[in-house]
N, C-alpha and C. Protein backbone atom coordinates (compact mmCIF):
# COMPACT_ATOMS: atom_id res chain seq x y z
N MET A 1 0.82 -1.19 0.00
CA MET A 1 0.00 0.00 0.00
C MET A 1 0.88 1.26 0.00
N PHE A 2 1.89 1.30 0.87
CA PHE A 2 2.75 2.48 0.93
C PHE A 2 3.53 2.68 -0.36
N GLY A 3 3.94 1.56 -0.97
CA GLY A 3 4.65 1.64 -2.24
C GLY A 3 3.80 2.28 -3.31
N ASN A 4 2.53 1.90 -3.37
CA ASN A 4 1.61 2.49 -4.34
C ASN A 4 1.43 3.97 -4.09
N PHE A 5 1.33 4.34 -2.82
CA PHE A 5 1.17 5.75 -2.46
C PHE A 5 2.38 6.55 -2.92
N GLU A 6 3.57 6.01 -2.67
CA GLU A 6 4.80 6.71 -3.08
C GLU A 6 4.85 6.86 -4.60
N LYS A 7 4.46 5.82 -5.32
CA LYS A 7 4.48 5.90 -6.79
C LYS A 7 3.50 6.94 -7.31
N LYS A 8 2.31 6.99 -6.72
CA LYS A 8 1.28 7.92 -7.19
C LYS A 8 1.59 9.37 -6.83
N THR A 9 2.16 9.60 -5.67
CA THR A 9 2.38 10.97 -5.21
C THR A 9 3.80 11.46 -5.39
N GLY A 10 4.75 10.54 -5.46
CA GLY A 10 6.15 10.93 -5.53
C GLY A 10 6.70 11.37 -4.19
N VAL A 11 5.93 11.15 -3.13
CA VAL A 11 6.34 11.54 -1.78
C VAL A 11 6.69 10.27 -1.00
N LYS A 12 7.86 10.28 -0.38
CA LYS A 12 8.31 9.11 0.39
C LYS A 12 7.54 9.03 1.71
N MET A 13 7.26 7.81 2.13
CA MET A 13 6.52 7.59 3.38
C MET A 13 7.28 8.14 4.58
N ASP A 14 8.59 8.09 4.55
CA ASP A 14 9.38 8.66 5.65
C ASP A 14 9.08 10.16 5.79
N ASP A 15 8.96 10.84 4.65
CA ASP A 15 8.67 12.27 4.68
C ASP A 15 7.26 12.52 5.23
N ILE A 16 6.34 11.67 4.85
CA ILE A 16 4.96 11.81 5.35
C ILE A 16 4.92 11.58 6.86
N MET A 17 5.65 10.60 7.33
CA MET A 17 5.67 10.32 8.77
C MET A 17 6.29 11.50 9.54
N LYS A 18 7.35 12.08 8.99
CA LYS A 18 7.97 13.26 9.63
C LYS A 18 6.98 14.42 9.66
N LEU A 19 6.25 14.61 8.57
CA LEU A 19 5.27 15.68 8.52
C LEU A 19 4.16 15.43 9.54
N ALA A 20 3.70 14.21 9.63
CA ALA A 20 2.65 13.86 10.60
C ALA A 20 3.13 14.14 12.02
N GLN A 21 4.38 13.83 12.31
CA GLN A 21 4.93 14.11 13.64
C GLN A 21 4.98 15.62 13.91
N SER A 22 5.28 16.40 12.87
CA SER A 22 5.34 17.85 13.07
C SER A 22 3.95 18.42 13.35
N PHE A 23 2.90 17.77 12.86
CA PHE A 23 1.53 18.20 13.17
C PHE A 23 1.27 18.15 14.66
N GLN A 24 1.84 17.16 15.32
CA GLN A 24 1.59 16.97 16.75
C GLN A 24 2.09 18.15 17.57
N ASN A 25 3.12 18.81 17.09
CA ASN A 25 3.73 19.91 17.84
C ASN A 25 3.29 21.29 17.35
N THR A 26 2.36 21.32 16.40
CA THR A 26 1.94 22.59 15.82
C THR A 26 0.77 23.19 16.59
N ASN A 27 0.89 24.47 16.87
CA ASN A 27 -0.21 25.22 17.46
C ASN A 27 -1.02 25.78 16.29
N PHE A 28 -2.18 25.19 16.03
CA PHE A 28 -2.97 25.57 14.87
C PHE A 28 -3.67 26.91 15.02
N LYS A 29 -3.48 27.57 16.14
CA LYS A 29 -3.97 28.94 16.32
C LYS A 29 -2.89 29.96 16.00
N ASP A 30 -1.65 29.49 15.85
CA ASP A 30 -0.50 30.36 15.57
C ASP A 30 -0.32 30.48 14.06
N GLU A 31 -0.61 31.66 13.53
CA GLU A 31 -0.57 31.89 12.09
C GLU A 31 0.79 31.56 11.48
N LYS A 32 1.86 31.93 12.16
CA LYS A 32 3.21 31.68 11.65
C LYS A 32 3.48 30.18 11.52
N GLN A 33 3.10 29.41 12.53
CA GLN A 33 3.31 27.96 12.48
C GLN A 33 2.46 27.32 11.38
N VAL A 34 1.25 27.80 11.21
CA VAL A 34 0.36 27.26 10.17
C VAL A 34 0.93 27.57 8.78
N ARG A 35 1.43 28.78 8.58
CA ARG A 35 2.04 29.13 7.29
C ARG A 35 3.24 28.24 6.98
N THR A 36 4.06 28.00 7.99
CA THR A 36 5.23 27.13 7.80
C THR A 36 4.78 25.73 7.40
N LEU A 37 3.77 25.22 8.05
CA LEU A 37 3.25 23.89 7.75
C LEU A 37 2.69 23.82 6.32
N ILE A 38 1.95 24.83 5.91
CA ILE A 38 1.39 24.88 4.56
C ILE A 38 2.51 24.87 3.53
N LYS A 39 3.56 25.64 3.79
CA LYS A 39 4.69 25.68 2.85
C LYS A 39 5.38 24.32 2.77
N LYS A 40 5.54 23.66 3.91
CA LYS A 40 6.16 22.32 3.92
C LYS A 40 5.36 21.34 3.09
N VAL A 41 4.06 21.36 3.26
CA VAL A 41 3.20 20.43 2.52
C VAL A 41 3.28 20.73 1.03
N GLY A 42 3.24 22.00 0.66
CA GLY A 42 3.35 22.37 -0.75
C GLY A 42 4.67 21.94 -1.36
N GLN A 43 5.76 22.13 -0.63
CA GLN A 43 7.07 21.72 -1.12
C GLN A 43 7.14 20.20 -1.25
N MET A 44 6.62 19.52 -0.25
CA MET A 44 6.66 18.07 -0.25
C MET A 44 5.89 17.49 -1.45
N ALA A 45 4.75 18.10 -1.74
CA ALA A 45 3.90 17.63 -2.84
C ALA A 45 4.35 18.20 -4.17
N ASN A 46 5.35 19.09 -4.13
CA ASN A 46 5.84 19.76 -5.33
C ASN A 46 4.72 20.53 -6.02
N LYS A 47 3.89 21.17 -5.19
CA LYS A 47 2.77 21.97 -5.68
C LYS A 47 2.89 23.37 -5.10
N PRO A 48 2.99 24.37 -5.96
CA PRO A 48 3.07 25.74 -5.42
C PRO A 48 1.74 26.14 -4.81
N VAL A 49 1.80 26.89 -3.73
CA VAL A 49 0.59 27.40 -3.06
C VAL A 49 0.58 28.90 -3.25
N SER A 50 -0.42 29.38 -3.97
CA SER A 50 -0.51 30.83 -4.22
C SER A 50 -0.76 31.56 -2.91
N LYS A 51 -0.45 32.85 -2.90
CA LYS A 51 -0.69 33.66 -1.70
C LYS A 51 -2.17 33.64 -1.34
N GLU A 52 -3.03 33.67 -2.35
CA GLU A 52 -4.48 33.66 -2.11
C GLU A 52 -4.91 32.37 -1.41
N LYS A 53 -4.41 31.23 -1.90
CA LYS A 53 -4.77 29.95 -1.28
C LYS A 53 -4.15 29.83 0.11
N GLU A 54 -2.92 30.33 0.25
CA GLU A 54 -2.28 30.29 1.56
C GLU A 54 -3.11 31.08 2.57
N GLU A 55 -3.56 32.28 2.18
CA GLU A 55 -4.38 33.11 3.07
C GLU A 55 -5.67 32.39 3.44
N MET A 56 -6.31 31.77 2.45
CA MET A 56 -7.56 31.06 2.69
C MET A 56 -7.34 29.89 3.65
N LEU A 57 -6.26 29.14 3.44
CA LEU A 57 -5.96 28.00 4.30
C LEU A 57 -5.62 28.44 5.72
N VAL A 58 -4.80 29.48 5.84
CA VAL A 58 -4.42 29.98 7.17
C VAL A 58 -5.66 30.42 7.94
N LYS A 59 -6.52 31.17 7.28
CA LYS A 59 -7.73 31.65 7.94
C LYS A 59 -8.61 30.47 8.38
N ALA A 60 -8.79 29.50 7.49
CA ALA A 60 -9.64 28.34 7.82
C ALA A 60 -9.06 27.55 8.99
N ILE A 61 -7.75 27.34 8.98
CA ILE A 61 -7.12 26.52 10.01
C ILE A 61 -7.08 27.25 11.35
N THR A 62 -6.68 28.51 11.35
CA THR A 62 -6.53 29.23 12.62
C THR A 62 -7.87 29.53 13.28
N THR A 63 -8.94 29.60 12.49
CA THR A 63 -10.27 29.86 13.07
C THR A 63 -11.04 28.57 13.37
N GLY A 64 -10.46 27.43 12.98
CA GLY A 64 -11.13 26.16 13.24
C GLY A 64 -12.18 25.81 12.22
N ASN A 65 -12.22 26.53 11.09
CA ASN A 65 -13.19 26.25 10.03
C ASN A 65 -12.62 25.29 9.00
N VAL A 66 -12.03 24.22 9.46
CA VAL A 66 -11.40 23.25 8.57
C VAL A 66 -12.45 22.26 8.09
N PRO A 67 -12.56 22.08 6.78
CA PRO A 67 -13.52 21.11 6.25
C PRO A 67 -13.25 19.71 6.80
N LYS A 68 -14.30 18.94 6.93
CA LYS A 68 -14.21 17.62 7.54
C LYS A 68 -13.90 16.50 6.56
N ASP A 69 -14.11 16.72 5.27
CA ASP A 69 -13.80 15.66 4.30
C ASP A 69 -13.27 16.25 3.00
N MET A 70 -12.79 15.40 2.13
CA MET A 70 -12.15 15.83 0.89
C MET A 70 -13.11 16.57 -0.03
N ASN A 71 -14.39 16.20 -0.06
CA ASN A 71 -15.35 16.90 -0.91
C ASN A 71 -15.48 18.35 -0.50
N GLU A 72 -15.54 18.60 0.80
CA GLU A 72 -15.63 19.97 1.30
C GLU A 72 -14.37 20.76 0.96
N ILE A 73 -13.22 20.12 1.09
CA ILE A 73 -11.95 20.78 0.76
C ILE A 73 -11.92 21.14 -0.72
N GLN A 74 -12.35 20.21 -1.57
CA GLN A 74 -12.34 20.46 -3.02
C GLN A 74 -13.27 21.63 -3.37
N LYS A 75 -14.45 21.66 -2.77
CA LYS A 75 -15.39 22.76 -3.01
C LYS A 75 -14.78 24.09 -2.58
N MET A 76 -14.12 24.09 -1.42
CA MET A 76 -13.50 25.30 -0.89
C MET A 76 -12.41 25.80 -1.84
N MET A 77 -11.59 24.90 -2.33
CA MET A 77 -10.49 25.28 -3.22
C MET A 77 -11.01 25.78 -4.57
N ASN A 78 -12.07 25.18 -5.06
CA ASN A 78 -12.62 25.59 -6.37
C ASN A 78 -13.33 26.92 -6.31
N LYS A 79 -13.88 27.30 -5.17
CA LYS A 79 -14.58 28.58 -5.04
C LYS A 79 -13.63 29.74 -5.25
N LYS A 80 -12.39 29.61 -4.83
CA LYS A 80 -11.44 30.72 -4.85
C LYS A 80 -10.72 30.89 -6.18
N LYS A 81 -11.01 30.07 -7.16
CA LYS A 81 -10.33 30.18 -8.46
C LYS A 81 -10.84 31.35 -9.26
């Protein structure tokens, strides 16, 4: 399963585990920490995050308005295009 994930995403499982561990120590009310985390995820996925999307994500995360499933996330991302 992990091998398939690595092939599809190009992201190594070790990197994902390190990222998951960093979530445990993140204060999701701290805008600076949230921005750093967003940048790490974007770099890891090799996907640039525009300033507009970064602002939207920071606001959603720091206020606790984080979507509960992937469909909600997709709708949120498509609205801002």
